[in-house]
Amino acid sequence: MNDDTLDLRARHKQATREAISHAALRLAIEQGPNGLALVRVHDIASAAGVSPRTYNNYFSSREEAICAFQADQSRRAGEALRARPDGEPLDRALIAAVVELYSDPEPDKAGLRMIMSTPELEGEALKAFSVAEEALAEAIAARTGTDAGRDLFPAVTAAAVAGAIRVAGRHWLAPGNTAPFADLLREALSCVVPAAPPER
């Protein structure tokens, strides 16, 4: 099996995962405030054009399926930071990487509102953020010459970034708020991201 075949298979698997996730979230939104409880695996699989067995190969719960896009996005935060120019100060690099990752395209307001207002979904989203923090902490450590396993700075900064993203999301969803998500996210991150680790 050559690299092109493997790449094609990986893209197909990711496309299937995204189709299931989008279908799950769309169905939950359509059902209204208590939509999560009303959505069945069979309905999600049918809407995504897959079998229930295929659904179960990708996800172990409706919550996991609905939050998959956020989980996948969060896992890319470390890669996004590593892709920034080497000489860029940490604060500028981290803010630019995170703003681009989370605001291009801008989040779906109805979907984000559903996730942040449903305890089971918010818990799943928080779990995804926690998993992603480790990769982001490692990227921060690599950029700053610190040790992700021993120094507090990378892990604390990664956790602060995750918190800033959540707070920006809540502000963006607040009634009457018309600011672009990117602006709110940039402002929230600027409150917590330092230019460099503290002197020791």
N, C-alpha and C. Protein backbone atom coordinates (compact mmCIF):
# COMPACT_ATOMS: atom_id res chain seq x y z
N MET A 1 0.85 -1.19 0.00
CA MET A 1 0.00 0.00 0.00
C MET A 1 0.89 1.24 0.00
N ASN A 2 0.69 2.15 -0.96
CA ASN A 2 1.57 3.32 -1.03
C ASN A 2 1.03 4.48 -0.19
N ASP A 3 1.84 5.55 -0.11
CA ASP A 3 1.48 6.70 0.72
C ASP A 3 0.21 7.37 0.23
N ASP A 4 0.00 7.42 -1.10
CA ASP A 4 -1.20 8.06 -1.64
C ASP A 4 -2.45 7.32 -1.19
N THR A 5 -2.38 5.99 -1.18
CA THR A 5 -3.53 5.18 -0.75
C THR A 5 -3.82 5.42 0.73
N LEU A 6 -2.75 5.47 1.55
CA LEU A 6 -2.93 5.73 2.97
C LEU A 6 -3.52 7.11 3.20
N ASP A 7 -3.02 8.10 2.43
CA ASP A 7 -3.51 9.47 2.57
C ASP A 7 -4.98 9.56 2.18
N LEU A 8 -5.34 8.88 1.11
CA LEU A 8 -6.73 8.87 0.65
C LEU A 8 -7.63 8.22 1.69
N ARG A 9 -7.16 7.13 2.28
CA ARG A 9 -7.94 6.45 3.31
C ARG A 9 -8.11 7.36 4.54
N ALA A 10 -7.06 8.03 4.93
CA ALA A 10 -7.13 8.93 6.09
C ALA A 10 -8.11 10.08 5.83
N ARG A 11 -8.07 10.62 4.59
CA ARG A 11 -8.99 11.71 4.25
C ARG A 11 -10.44 11.23 4.25
N HIS A 12 -10.65 10.01 3.76
CA HIS A 12 -12.00 9.45 3.74
C HIS A 12 -12.51 9.24 5.17
N LYS A 13 -11.64 8.72 6.04
CA LYS A 13 -12.04 8.51 7.43
C LYS A 13 -12.38 9.84 8.11
N GLN A 14 -11.57 10.87 7.85
CA GLN A 14 -11.83 12.18 8.45
C GLN A 14 -13.13 12.77 7.91
N ALA A 15 -13.38 12.61 6.61
CA ALA A 15 -14.62 13.12 6.01
C ALA A 15 -15.84 12.41 6.61
N THR A 16 -15.73 11.11 6.83
CA THR A 16 -16.83 10.36 7.44
C THR A 16 -17.06 10.83 8.87
N ARG A 17 -15.98 11.00 9.61
CA ARG A 17 -16.07 11.49 11.00
C ARG A 17 -16.76 12.85 11.04
N GLU A 18 -16.36 13.74 10.13
CA GLU A 18 -16.96 15.08 10.10
C GLU A 18 -18.43 15.04 9.69
N ALA A 19 -18.78 14.17 8.74
CA ALA A 19 -20.18 14.06 8.31
C ALA A 19 -21.06 13.59 9.46
N ILE A 20 -20.58 12.62 10.21
CA ILE A 20 -21.35 12.12 11.35
C ILE A 20 -21.50 13.21 12.41
N SER A 21 -20.40 13.91 12.69
CA SER A 21 -20.44 14.96 13.70
C SER A 21 -21.39 16.09 13.31
N HIS A 22 -21.32 16.54 12.05
CA HIS A 22 -22.21 17.61 11.59
C HIS A 22 -23.66 17.18 11.66
N ALA A 23 -23.93 15.93 11.27
CA ALA A 23 -25.31 15.42 11.31
C ALA A 23 -25.82 15.37 12.74
N ALA A 24 -24.99 14.92 13.67
CA ALA A 24 -25.39 14.83 15.07
C ALA A 24 -25.72 16.20 15.64
N LEU A 25 -24.85 17.17 15.38
CA LEU A 25 -25.08 18.51 15.89
C LEU A 25 -26.32 19.14 15.25
N ARG A 26 -26.47 18.98 13.94
CA ARG A 26 -27.64 19.56 13.24
C ARG A 26 -28.95 18.99 13.79
N LEU A 27 -28.98 17.68 13.99
CA LEU A 27 -30.20 17.05 14.51
C LEU A 27 -30.51 17.53 15.93
N ALA A 28 -29.48 17.66 16.76
CA ALA A 28 -29.69 18.13 18.12
C ALA A 28 -30.23 19.56 18.13
N ILE A 29 -29.69 20.42 17.27
CA ILE A 29 -30.16 21.81 17.19
C ILE A 29 -31.62 21.85 16.73
N GLU A 30 -31.94 21.04 15.75
CA GLU A 30 -33.30 21.01 15.21
C GLU A 30 -34.33 20.58 16.25
N GLN A 31 -33.91 19.76 17.21
CA GLN A 31 -34.83 19.28 18.24
C GLN A 31 -35.09 20.30 19.34
N GLY A 32 -34.32 21.39 19.36
CA GLY A 32 -34.55 22.43 20.35
C GLY A 32 -33.72 22.27 21.61
N PRO A 33 -34.09 22.98 22.70
CA PRO A 33 -33.28 23.04 23.92
C PRO A 33 -32.90 21.69 24.51
N ASN A 34 -33.79 20.70 24.43
CA ASN A 34 -33.48 19.38 24.97
C ASN A 34 -33.16 18.39 23.85
N GLY A 35 -32.60 18.94 22.78
CA GLY A 35 -32.37 18.13 21.58
C GLY A 35 -31.49 16.93 21.76
N LEU A 36 -30.49 17.02 22.65
CA LEU A 36 -29.57 15.90 22.83
C LEU A 36 -30.31 14.63 23.21
N ALA A 37 -31.25 14.75 24.13
CA ALA A 37 -31.98 13.58 24.61
C ALA A 37 -32.88 12.96 23.54
N LEU A 38 -33.22 13.74 22.54
CA LEU A 38 -34.16 13.27 21.52
C LEU A 38 -33.48 12.67 20.28
N VAL A 39 -32.18 12.83 20.18
CA VAL A 39 -31.46 12.35 18.99
C VAL A 39 -30.98 10.92 19.22
N ARG A 40 -31.26 10.05 18.28
CA ARG A 40 -30.89 8.64 18.37
C ARG A 40 -29.76 8.33 17.39
N VAL A 41 -28.98 7.32 17.73
CA VAL A 41 -27.86 6.91 16.88
C VAL A 41 -28.33 6.59 15.47
N HIS A 42 -29.45 5.89 15.36
CA HIS A 42 -29.98 5.54 14.03
C HIS A 42 -30.25 6.80 13.21
N ASP A 43 -30.80 7.84 13.85
CA ASP A 43 -31.11 9.09 13.14
C ASP A 43 -29.83 9.77 12.66
N ILE A 44 -28.82 9.78 13.53
CA ILE A 44 -27.55 10.41 13.16
C ILE A 44 -26.91 9.67 11.99
N ALA A 45 -26.86 8.35 12.09
CA ALA A 45 -26.25 7.55 11.02
C ALA A 45 -26.98 7.76 9.71
N SER A 46 -28.30 7.76 9.75
CA SER A 46 -29.10 7.96 8.54
C SER A 46 -28.83 9.33 7.93
N ALA A 47 -28.79 10.37 8.76
CA ALA A 47 -28.56 11.73 8.27
C ALA A 47 -27.16 11.88 7.68
N ALA A 48 -26.19 11.11 8.21
CA ALA A 48 -24.81 11.19 7.71
C ALA A 48 -24.57 10.26 6.53
N GLY A 49 -25.56 9.41 6.21
CA GLY A 49 -25.40 8.49 5.09
C GLY A 49 -24.50 7.31 5.40
N VAL A 50 -24.48 6.89 6.69
CA VAL A 50 -23.68 5.74 7.08
C VAL A 50 -24.56 4.78 7.87
N SER A 51 -24.05 3.60 8.14
CA SER A 51 -24.78 2.62 8.94
C SER A 51 -24.54 2.90 10.43
N PRO A 52 -25.47 2.45 11.30
CA PRO A 52 -25.22 2.58 12.74
C PRO A 52 -23.90 1.92 13.16
N ARG A 53 -23.55 0.83 12.49
CA ARG A 53 -22.28 0.16 12.81
C ARG A 53 -21.09 1.08 12.51
N THR A 54 -21.14 1.76 11.35
CA THR A 54 -20.08 2.71 11.02
C THR A 54 -20.02 3.82 12.05
N TYR A 55 -21.19 4.33 12.43
CA TYR A 55 -21.24 5.36 13.48
C TYR A 55 -20.50 4.87 14.73
N ASN A 56 -20.80 3.65 15.15
CA ASN A 56 -20.18 3.11 16.37
C ASN A 56 -18.69 2.87 16.22
N ASN A 57 -18.21 2.74 14.99
CA ASN A 57 -16.76 2.62 14.77
C ASN A 57 -16.04 3.94 15.04
N TYR A 58 -16.77 5.04 14.94
CA TYR A 58 -16.16 6.36 15.10
C TYR A 58 -16.40 6.98 16.47
N PHE A 59 -17.59 6.75 17.02
CA PHE A 59 -17.96 7.44 18.26
C PHE A 59 -18.62 6.49 19.25
N SER A 60 -18.35 6.74 20.54
CA SER A 60 -18.93 5.91 21.59
C SER A 60 -20.16 6.56 22.22
N SER A 61 -20.44 7.82 21.87
CA SER A 61 -21.61 8.49 22.43
C SER A 61 -22.05 9.62 21.51
N ARG A 62 -23.29 10.08 21.72
CA ARG A 62 -23.78 11.24 20.95
C ARG A 62 -22.98 12.48 21.31
N GLU A 63 -22.64 12.61 22.59
CA GLU A 63 -21.88 13.78 23.03
C GLU A 63 -20.53 13.85 22.31
N GLU A 64 -19.87 12.71 22.22
CA GLU A 64 -18.57 12.67 21.53
C GLU A 64 -18.73 13.03 20.05
N ALA A 65 -19.79 12.53 19.44
CA ALA A 65 -20.02 12.83 18.02
C ALA A 65 -20.28 14.32 17.81
N ILE A 66 -21.12 14.90 18.64
CA ILE A 66 -21.48 16.31 18.47
C ILE A 66 -20.27 17.22 18.68
N CYS A 67 -19.41 16.86 19.61
CA CYS A 67 -18.26 17.72 19.94
C CYS A 67 -17.00 17.36 19.15
N ALA A 68 -17.12 16.46 18.18
CA ALA A 68 -15.93 15.99 17.45
C ALA A 68 -15.20 17.10 16.74
N PHE A 69 -15.94 18.03 16.11
CA PHE A 69 -15.27 19.11 15.39
C PHE A 69 -14.43 19.95 16.35
N GLN A 70 -15.01 20.31 17.51
CA GLN A 70 -14.27 21.09 18.49
C GLN A 70 -13.06 20.31 19.00
N ALA A 71 -13.24 19.00 19.19
CA ALA A 71 -12.13 18.17 19.66
C ALA A 71 -11.00 18.14 18.64
N ASP A 72 -11.35 17.93 17.38
CA ASP A 72 -10.34 17.88 16.32
C ASP A 72 -9.63 19.22 16.19
N GLN A 73 -10.40 20.29 16.28
CA GLN A 73 -9.84 21.64 16.18
C GLN A 73 -8.86 21.89 17.33
N SER A 74 -9.26 21.52 18.54
CA SER A 74 -8.40 21.73 19.70
C SER A 74 -7.10 20.96 19.59
N ARG A 75 -7.17 19.75 19.04
CA ARG A 75 -5.96 18.94 18.91
C ARG A 75 -4.96 19.54 17.93
N ARG A 76 -5.41 20.43 17.07
CA ARG A 76 -4.51 21.06 16.08
C ARG A 76 -3.83 22.31 16.63
N ALA A 77 -4.13 22.72 17.86
CA ALA A 77 -3.56 23.96 18.40
C ALA A 77 -2.04 23.90 18.48
N GLY A 78 -1.50 22.77 18.91
CA GLY A 78 -0.05 22.63 18.99
C GLY A 78 0.59 22.74 17.62
N GLU A 79 0.00 22.08 16.62
CA GLU A 79 0.52 22.16 15.24
C GLU A 79 0.47 23.60 14.73
N ALA A 80 -0.62 24.30 15.05
CA ALA A 80 -0.78 25.69 14.58
C ALA A 80 0.32 26.58 15.15
N LEU A 81 0.67 26.38 16.42
CA LEU A 81 1.74 27.17 17.02
C LEU A 81 3.09 26.81 16.41
N ARG A 82 3.34 25.53 16.19
CA ARG A 82 4.62 25.11 15.60
C ARG A 82 4.80 25.65 14.19
N ALA A 83 3.70 25.95 13.50
CA ALA A 83 3.77 26.45 12.12
C ALA A 83 4.11 27.94 12.05
N ARG A 84 4.09 28.63 13.18
CA ARG A 84 4.40 30.06 13.17
C ARG A 84 5.91 30.28 13.00
N PRO A 85 6.32 31.45 12.47
CA PRO A 85 7.76 31.72 12.27
C PRO A 85 8.56 31.59 13.57
N ASP A 86 9.76 31.05 13.47
CA ASP A 86 10.58 30.78 14.65
C ASP A 86 10.88 32.02 15.49
N GLY A 87 11.17 33.13 14.85
CA GLY A 87 11.58 34.31 15.60
C GLY A 87 10.45 35.12 16.19
N GLU A 88 9.22 34.72 15.96
CA GLU A 88 8.06 35.47 16.45
C GLU A 88 7.94 35.32 17.97
N PRO A 89 7.74 36.41 18.71
CA PRO A 89 7.57 36.29 20.16
C PRO A 89 6.39 35.39 20.51
N LEU A 90 6.46 34.75 21.65
CA LEU A 90 5.44 33.77 22.03
C LEU A 90 4.04 34.35 22.00
N ASP A 91 3.85 35.54 22.58
CA ASP A 91 2.49 36.08 22.65
C ASP A 91 1.91 36.29 21.25
N ARG A 92 2.70 36.87 20.35
CA ARG A 92 2.19 37.11 18.98
C ARG A 92 1.96 35.79 18.25
N ALA A 93 2.88 34.86 18.39
CA ALA A 93 2.75 33.57 17.70
C ALA A 93 1.54 32.79 18.20
N LEU A 94 1.38 32.74 19.50
CA LEU A 94 0.29 31.96 20.09
C LEU A 94 -1.07 32.57 19.78
N ILE A 95 -1.17 33.88 19.91
CA ILE A 95 -2.44 34.54 19.62
C ILE A 95 -2.80 34.39 18.14
N ALA A 96 -1.84 34.61 17.25
CA ALA A 96 -2.11 34.47 15.81
C ALA A 96 -2.53 33.05 15.46
N ALA A 97 -1.83 32.06 16.02
CA ALA A 97 -2.14 30.66 15.72
C ALA A 97 -3.53 30.29 16.20
N VAL A 98 -3.87 30.67 17.42
CA VAL A 98 -5.17 30.29 18.00
C VAL A 98 -6.31 31.04 17.32
N VAL A 99 -6.12 32.32 17.06
CA VAL A 99 -7.19 33.10 16.41
C VAL A 99 -7.48 32.53 15.02
N GLU A 100 -6.44 32.22 14.28
CA GLU A 100 -6.66 31.66 12.94
C GLU A 100 -7.35 30.30 13.02
N LEU A 101 -6.91 29.47 13.96
CA LEU A 101 -7.48 28.13 14.09
C LEU A 101 -8.95 28.15 14.46
N TYR A 102 -9.33 29.04 15.37
CA TYR A 102 -10.70 29.03 15.91
C TYR A 102 -11.65 30.01 15.23
N SER A 103 -11.16 30.87 14.36
CA SER A 103 -12.08 31.84 13.75
C SER A 103 -12.10 31.80 12.23
N ASP A 104 -11.37 30.87 11.63
CA ASP A 104 -11.38 30.75 10.17
C ASP A 104 -11.70 29.31 9.79
N PRO A 105 -12.99 28.99 9.58
CA PRO A 105 -14.13 29.91 9.55
C PRO A 105 -14.64 30.24 10.96
N GLU A 106 -15.45 31.27 11.04
CA GLU A 106 -16.05 31.65 12.31
C GLU A 106 -16.93 30.50 12.81
N PRO A 107 -16.95 30.26 14.13
CA PRO A 107 -17.77 29.16 14.64
C PRO A 107 -19.25 29.33 14.30
N ASP A 108 -19.94 28.21 14.25
CA ASP A 108 -21.39 28.22 14.04
C ASP A 108 -22.04 28.58 15.38
N LYS A 109 -22.73 29.73 15.41
CA LYS A 109 -23.28 30.20 16.68
C LYS A 109 -24.29 29.24 17.27
N ALA A 110 -25.18 28.71 16.44
CA ALA A 110 -26.20 27.79 16.96
C ALA A 110 -25.55 26.54 17.55
N GLY A 111 -24.53 26.03 16.88
CA GLY A 111 -23.84 24.84 17.36
C GLY A 111 -23.09 25.11 18.65
N LEU A 112 -22.38 26.23 18.71
CA LEU A 112 -21.62 26.57 19.91
C LEU A 112 -22.57 26.81 21.08
N ARG A 113 -23.69 27.48 20.82
CA ARG A 113 -24.68 27.72 21.87
C ARG A 113 -25.23 26.40 22.41
N MET A 114 -25.50 25.46 21.50
CA MET A 114 -26.00 24.15 21.91
C MET A 114 -24.99 23.46 22.82
N ILE A 115 -23.73 23.49 22.44
CA ILE A 115 -22.69 22.82 23.23
C ILE A 115 -22.51 23.48 24.58
N MET A 116 -22.48 24.81 24.60
CA MET A 116 -22.19 25.52 25.85
C MET A 116 -23.39 25.61 26.78
N SER A 117 -24.57 25.29 26.29
CA SER A 117 -25.75 25.36 27.15
C SER A 117 -26.28 23.98 27.56
N THR A 118 -25.61 22.92 27.13
CA THR A 118 -26.01 21.56 27.47
C THR A 118 -24.90 20.94 28.32
N PRO A 119 -25.15 20.69 29.61
CA PRO A 119 -24.07 20.22 30.49
C PRO A 119 -23.29 19.02 29.96
N GLU A 120 -24.00 18.03 29.39
CA GLU A 120 -23.30 16.85 28.90
C GLU A 120 -22.36 17.19 27.74
N LEU A 121 -22.80 18.11 26.88
CA LEU A 121 -21.95 18.51 25.75
C LEU A 121 -20.81 19.40 26.21
N GLU A 122 -21.08 20.28 27.14
CA GLU A 122 -20.01 21.14 27.64
C GLU A 122 -18.93 20.30 28.32
N GLY A 123 -19.35 19.26 29.04
CA GLY A 123 -18.39 18.36 29.67
C GLY A 123 -17.52 17.66 28.64
N GLU A 124 -18.13 17.23 27.54
CA GLU A 124 -17.38 16.57 26.47
C GLU A 124 -16.40 17.54 25.82
N ALA A 125 -16.85 18.79 25.62
CA ALA A 125 -15.97 19.81 25.03
C ALA A 125 -14.79 20.11 25.96
N LEU A 126 -15.06 20.17 27.26
CA LEU A 126 -13.97 20.41 28.22
C LEU A 126 -12.96 19.27 28.21
N LYS A 127 -13.46 18.06 28.04
CA LYS A 127 -12.56 16.90 27.95
C LYS A 127 -11.65 17.04 26.73
N ALA A 128 -12.22 17.49 25.62
CA ALA A 128 -11.43 17.68 24.39
C ALA A 128 -10.36 18.75 24.60
N PHE A 129 -10.73 19.84 25.28
CA PHE A 129 -9.76 20.90 25.57
C PHE A 129 -8.62 20.36 26.43
N SER A 130 -8.95 19.54 27.42
CA SER A 130 -7.93 19.00 28.31
C SER A 130 -6.94 18.12 27.55
N VAL A 131 -7.45 17.31 26.63
CA VAL A 131 -6.58 16.45 25.82
C VAL A 131 -5.66 17.32 24.96
N ALA A 132 -6.21 18.40 24.42
CA ALA A 132 -5.43 19.26 23.52
C ALA A 132 -4.36 20.06 24.25
N GLU A 133 -4.57 20.32 25.54
CA GLU A 133 -3.63 21.15 26.28
C GLU A 133 -2.22 20.55 26.28
N GLU A 134 -2.12 19.24 26.32
CA GLU A 134 -0.81 18.61 26.37
C GLU A 134 0.01 18.89 25.12
N ALA A 135 -0.64 18.76 23.95
CA ALA A 135 0.06 19.04 22.69
C ALA A 135 0.43 20.52 22.60
N LEU A 136 -0.46 21.38 23.05
CA LEU A 136 -0.15 22.82 23.02
C LEU A 136 0.98 23.14 23.99
N ALA A 137 0.96 22.53 25.16
CA ALA A 137 2.04 22.76 26.14
C ALA A 137 3.39 22.32 25.57
N GLU A 138 3.41 21.21 24.85
CA GLU A 138 4.66 20.75 24.24
C GLU A 138 5.16 21.72 23.18
N ALA A 139 4.23 22.30 22.40
CA ALA A 139 4.62 23.29 21.39
C ALA A 139 5.13 24.57 22.04
N ILE A 140 4.50 24.97 23.15
CA ILE A 140 4.96 26.15 23.89
C ILE A 140 6.35 25.89 24.46
N ALA A 141 6.56 24.70 25.01
CA ALA A 141 7.87 24.36 25.57
C ALA A 141 8.94 24.38 24.49
N ALA A 142 8.63 23.84 23.32
CA ALA A 142 9.60 23.82 22.23
C ALA A 142 9.97 25.24 21.80
N ARG A 143 8.99 26.12 21.77
CA ARG A 143 9.24 27.50 21.32
C ARG A 143 10.02 28.30 22.36
N THR A 144 9.82 28.00 23.65
CA THR A 144 10.41 28.81 24.72
C THR A 144 11.64 28.16 25.37
N GLY A 145 12.00 26.94 24.94
CA GLY A 145 13.15 26.28 25.53
C GLY A 145 12.91 25.80 26.95
N THR A 146 11.65 25.57 27.28
CA THR A 146 11.32 25.04 28.60
C THR A 146 11.01 23.55 28.48
N ASP A 147 10.78 22.92 29.62
CA ASP A 147 10.53 21.48 29.66
C ASP A 147 9.05 21.25 30.00
N ALA A 148 8.29 20.69 29.06
CA ALA A 148 6.86 20.50 29.27
C ALA A 148 6.57 19.53 30.40
N GLY A 149 7.49 18.64 30.70
CA GLY A 149 7.27 17.67 31.77
C GLY A 149 7.69 18.15 33.14
N ARG A 150 8.53 19.18 33.20
CA ARG A 150 9.08 19.62 34.48
C ARG A 150 8.69 21.06 34.84
N ASP A 151 8.65 21.95 33.84
CA ASP A 151 8.35 23.35 34.11
C ASP A 151 6.84 23.61 34.10
N LEU A 152 6.40 24.50 34.95
CA LEU A 152 4.98 24.84 35.02
C LEU A 152 4.54 25.71 33.84
N PHE A 153 5.43 26.53 33.33
CA PHE A 153 5.04 27.55 32.36
C PHE A 153 4.28 26.99 31.14
N PRO A 154 4.76 25.96 30.45
CA PRO A 154 4.03 25.50 29.26
C PRO A 154 2.62 25.01 29.56
N ALA A 155 2.47 24.21 30.62
CA ALA A 155 1.16 23.65 30.95
C ALA A 155 0.20 24.73 31.44
N VAL A 156 0.70 25.65 32.26
CA VAL A 156 -0.17 26.72 32.76
C VAL A 156 -0.61 27.64 31.62
N THR A 157 0.30 27.94 30.72
CA THR A 157 -0.04 28.80 29.59
C THR A 157 -1.06 28.11 28.67
N ALA A 158 -0.86 26.83 28.42
CA ALA A 158 -1.81 26.09 27.58
C ALA A 158 -3.20 26.06 28.23
N ALA A 159 -3.26 25.86 29.55
CA ALA A 159 -4.54 25.85 30.25
C ALA A 159 -5.19 27.23 30.20
N ALA A 160 -4.38 28.27 30.32
CA ALA A 160 -4.92 29.63 30.26
C ALA A 160 -5.49 29.94 28.87
N VAL A 161 -4.83 29.44 27.84
CA VAL A 161 -5.33 29.61 26.47
C VAL A 161 -6.68 28.93 26.31
N ALA A 162 -6.80 27.70 26.82
CA ALA A 162 -8.07 26.98 26.74
C ALA A 162 -9.17 27.74 27.46
N GLY A 163 -8.85 28.29 28.63
CA GLY A 163 -9.83 29.09 29.37
C GLY A 163 -10.23 30.35 28.63
N ALA A 164 -9.27 31.00 28.01
CA ALA A 164 -9.56 32.23 27.25
C ALA A 164 -10.48 31.94 26.07
N ILE A 165 -10.28 30.80 25.42
CA ILE A 165 -11.14 30.42 24.29
C ILE A 165 -12.58 30.24 24.76
N ARG A 166 -12.76 29.56 25.89
CA ARG A 166 -14.12 29.34 26.42
C ARG A 166 -14.78 30.66 26.81
N VAL A 167 -14.03 31.53 27.48
CA VAL A 167 -14.60 32.82 27.90
C VAL A 167 -14.97 33.66 26.67
N ALA A 168 -14.12 33.67 25.67
CA ALA A 168 -14.43 34.41 24.44
C ALA A 168 -15.70 33.87 23.80
N GLY A 169 -15.87 32.55 23.81
CA GLY A 169 -17.08 31.94 23.25
C GLY A 169 -18.32 32.38 23.99
N ARG A 170 -18.26 32.41 25.32
CA ARG A 170 -19.42 32.84 26.11
C ARG A 170 -19.77 34.30 25.82
N HIS A 171 -18.77 35.15 25.73
CA HIS A 171 -19.02 36.57 25.43
C HIS A 171 -19.61 36.73 24.04
N TRP A 172 -19.11 35.96 23.11
CA TRP A 172 -19.59 36.04 21.72
C TRP A 172 -21.05 35.65 21.62
N LEU A 173 -21.48 34.71 22.45
CA LEU A 173 -22.87 34.24 22.43
C LEU A 173 -23.82 35.12 23.23
N ALA A 174 -23.27 36.06 23.98
CA ALA A 174 -24.12 36.91 24.83
C ALA A 174 -25.08 37.74 23.97
N PRO A 175 -26.32 37.94 24.44
CA PRO A 175 -27.30 38.72 23.68
C PRO A 175 -26.77 40.12 23.35
N GLY A 176 -26.99 40.55 22.13
CA GLY A 176 -26.60 41.89 21.70
C GLY A 176 -25.16 42.05 21.29
N ASN A 177 -24.37 41.00 21.42
CA ASN A 177 -22.95 41.10 21.05
C ASN A 177 -22.81 40.90 19.55
N THR A 178 -22.25 41.89 18.88
CA THR A 178 -22.09 41.80 17.42
C THR A 178 -20.63 41.75 16.98
N ALA A 179 -19.71 41.74 17.93
CA ALA A 179 -18.28 41.72 17.59
C ALA A 179 -17.92 40.39 16.93
N PRO A 180 -17.02 40.41 15.95
CA PRO A 180 -16.55 39.15 15.36
C PRO A 180 -15.87 38.30 16.42
N PHE A 181 -16.00 36.99 16.30
CA PHE A 181 -15.39 36.09 17.27
C PHE A 181 -13.88 36.29 17.32
N ALA A 182 -13.25 36.52 16.19
CA ALA A 182 -11.80 36.70 16.16
C ALA A 182 -11.36 37.85 17.06
N ASP A 183 -12.12 38.95 17.07
CA ASP A 183 -11.76 40.11 17.90
C ASP A 183 -11.86 39.78 19.39
N LEU A 184 -12.94 39.10 19.76
CA LEU A 184 -13.12 38.73 21.17
C LEU A 184 -12.06 37.73 21.60
N LEU A 185 -11.75 36.80 20.73
CA LEU A 185 -10.75 35.79 21.06
C LEU A 185 -9.37 36.42 21.21
N ARG A 186 -9.03 37.33 20.32
CA ARG A 186 -7.74 38.03 20.41
C ARG A 186 -7.63 38.80 21.72
N GLU A 187 -8.72 39.48 22.09
CA GLU A 187 -8.73 40.25 23.34
C GLU A 187 -8.59 39.33 24.55
N ALA A 188 -9.33 38.22 24.54
CA ALA A 188 -9.26 37.29 25.66
C ALA A 188 -7.85 36.69 25.79
N LEU A 189 -7.27 36.31 24.69
CA LEU A 189 -5.92 35.71 24.73
C LEU A 189 -4.88 36.72 25.19
N SER A 190 -5.05 37.98 24.80
CA SER A 190 -4.07 39.00 25.19
C SER A 190 -4.06 39.21 26.71
N CYS A 191 -5.13 38.78 27.39
CA CYS A 191 -5.18 38.89 28.85
C CYS A 191 -4.32 37.83 29.54
N VAL A 192 -4.02 36.74 28.86
CA VAL A 192 -3.38 35.61 29.55
C VAL A 192 -2.07 35.12 28.94
N VAL A 193 -1.76 35.53 27.71
CA VAL A 193 -0.57 34.99 27.05
C VAL A 193 0.62 35.93 27.25
N PRO A 194 1.68 35.48 27.93
CA PRO A 194 2.86 36.31 28.12
C PRO A 194 3.78 36.28 26.90
N ALA A 195 4.65 37.26 26.83
CA ALA A 195 5.60 37.31 25.70
C ALA A 195 6.71 36.28 25.86
N ALA A 196 6.98 35.88 27.09
CA ALA A 196 8.07 34.93 27.35
C ALA A 196 7.87 34.33 28.74
N PRO A 197 8.52 33.22 29.03
CA PRO A 197 8.44 32.63 30.37
C PRO A 197 9.04 33.60 31.40
N PRO A 198 8.64 33.51 32.66
CA PRO A 198 9.23 34.37 33.69
C PRO A 198 10.69 34.03 33.93
N GLU A 199 11.47 35.02 34.31
CA GLU A 199 12.88 34.77 34.62
C GLU A 199 12.97 33.91 35.88
N ARG A 200 13.93 32.98 35.88
CA ARG A 200 14.09 32.10 37.05
C ARG A 200 15.35 32.43 37.80
